[in-house]
């Protein structure tokens, strides 16, 4: 890789994903940034939301909640899919409000 791209390369989202799959706590902040950065493709942003389930804490929960109202359906769906694993109270609240309609 160094022969092709050199030793100093631009930061790539795959490095964040690799760190996140190893549950490197430093990856959480980068994942949260990726979820809202519209310069990245929707698939990358949705994958970042998905990987946030590996990290507990209010920052992760807030980012997942924010993803529920993202304009992109893939990001919203990913957030809904991981809700049971991340925020059961929010999931129950959403189901109650949906069934009340």
Protein backbone atom coordinates (compact mmCIF):
# COMPACT_ATOMS: atom_id res chain seq x y z
CA UNK A 1 0.00 0.00 0.00
CA UNK A 2 2.81 2.40 0.86
CA UNK A 3 4.39 1.83 -2.56
CA UNK A 4 1.13 2.74 -4.33
CA UNK A 5 -0.12 5.56 -2.15
CA UNK A 6 2.91 6.72 -0.17
CA UNK A 7 3.36 6.85 3.57
CA UNK A 8 1.19 9.90 4.14
CA UNK A 9 -2.33 9.33 2.86
CA UNK A 10 -5.58 11.13 3.36
CA UNK A 11 -7.72 9.82 6.20
CA UNK A 12 -10.17 7.20 4.91
CA UNK A 13 -13.43 6.10 6.49
CA UNK A 14 -12.36 2.45 6.31
CA UNK A 15 -9.77 3.13 9.00
CA UNK A 16 -12.54 4.35 11.29
CA UNK A 17 -14.60 1.25 10.50
CA UNK A 18 -11.65 -1.03 11.27
CA UNK A 19 -11.08 0.68 14.61
CA UNK A 20 -14.82 0.51 15.39
CA UNK A 21 -15.05 -3.22 14.70
CA UNK A 22 -12.24 -3.69 17.19
CA UNK A 23 -14.25 -1.53 19.61
CA UNK A 24 -11.49 1.05 19.82
CA UNK A 25 -13.10 3.74 21.99
CA UNK A 26 -11.40 6.45 19.96
CA UNK A 27 -13.48 5.46 16.93
CA UNK A 28 -16.76 6.59 18.50
CA UNK A 29 -16.19 10.29 17.85
CA UNK A 30 -15.15 9.63 14.25
CA UNK A 31 -18.20 7.42 13.67
CA UNK A 32 -20.50 10.11 15.00
CA UNK A 33 -18.90 12.63 12.64
CA UNK A 34 -19.35 10.26 9.70
CA UNK A 35 -23.07 9.80 10.39
CA UNK A 36 -23.84 13.44 9.59
CA UNK A 37 -21.17 14.24 7.01
CA UNK A 38 -23.03 14.47 3.72
CA UNK A 39 -19.77 14.44 1.77
CA UNK A 40 -19.75 10.66 2.30
CA UNK A 41 -22.07 8.29 0.43
CA UNK A 42 -25.27 7.24 2.17
CA UNK A 43 -23.98 3.67 2.50
CA UNK A 44 -20.93 4.87 4.43
CA UNK A 45 -23.05 7.04 6.71
CA UNK A 46 -25.48 4.16 7.34
CA UNK A 47 -22.59 1.81 8.13
CA UNK A 48 -21.29 4.36 10.64
CA UNK A 49 -24.71 4.44 12.32
CA UNK A 50 -24.73 0.64 12.42
CA UNK A 51 -21.28 0.49 14.01
CA UNK A 52 -22.34 2.94 16.73
CA UNK A 53 -24.22 0.09 18.39
CA UNK A 54 -20.81 -1.17 19.56
CA UNK A 55 -20.41 1.91 21.75
CA UNK A 56 -22.55 2.88 24.70
CA UNK A 57 -23.00 6.34 26.05
CA UNK A 58 -25.10 9.43 25.52
CA UNK A 59 -23.11 10.59 22.48
CA UNK A 60 -23.83 7.35 20.60
CA UNK A 61 -27.49 7.37 21.64
CA UNK A 62 -27.89 10.98 20.54
CA UNK A 63 -26.32 10.24 17.15
CA UNK A 64 -28.61 7.24 16.65
CA UNK A 65 -31.66 9.33 17.63
CA UNK A 66 -30.57 12.00 15.17
CA UNK A 67 -30.22 9.34 12.47
CA UNK A 68 -33.91 8.49 12.95
CA UNK A 69 -34.81 11.82 11.36
CA UNK A 70 -32.16 11.82 8.61
CA UNK A 71 -33.54 12.66 5.14
CA UNK A 72 -32.04 9.43 3.76
CA UNK A 73 -34.24 6.37 4.28
CA UNK A 74 -31.28 3.96 4.46
CA UNK A 75 -29.90 5.84 7.46
CA UNK A 76 -33.29 5.96 9.18
CA UNK A 77 -33.80 2.22 8.60
CA UNK A 78 -30.37 1.41 10.00
CA UNK A 79 -31.12 3.44 13.12
CA UNK A 80 -34.45 1.65 13.59
CA UNK A 81 -32.78 -1.74 13.09
CA UNK A 82 -30.26 -1.17 15.88
CA UNK A 83 -32.64 0.47 18.37
CA UNK A 84 -33.41 -2.72 20.32
CA UNK A 85 -29.69 -3.18 20.98
CA UNK A 86 -29.00 0.44 21.86
CA UNK A 87 -32.04 2.16 23.34
CA UNK A 88 -34.97 -0.04 24.31
CA UNK A 89 -36.78 2.86 26.02
CA UNK A 90 -36.69 4.95 22.85
CA UNK A 91 -37.90 1.98 20.81
CA UNK A 92 -40.89 1.47 23.13
CA UNK A 93 -41.67 5.18 22.97
CA UNK A 94 -41.61 5.16 19.17
CA UNK A 95 -43.89 2.11 19.02
CA UNK A 96 -46.36 3.73 21.45
CA UNK A 97 -46.50 6.95 19.44
CA UNK A 98 -46.86 5.03 16.15
CA UNK A 99 -49.69 2.85 17.48
CA UNK A 100 -51.52 5.91 18.85
CA UNK A 101 -51.92 7.32 15.36
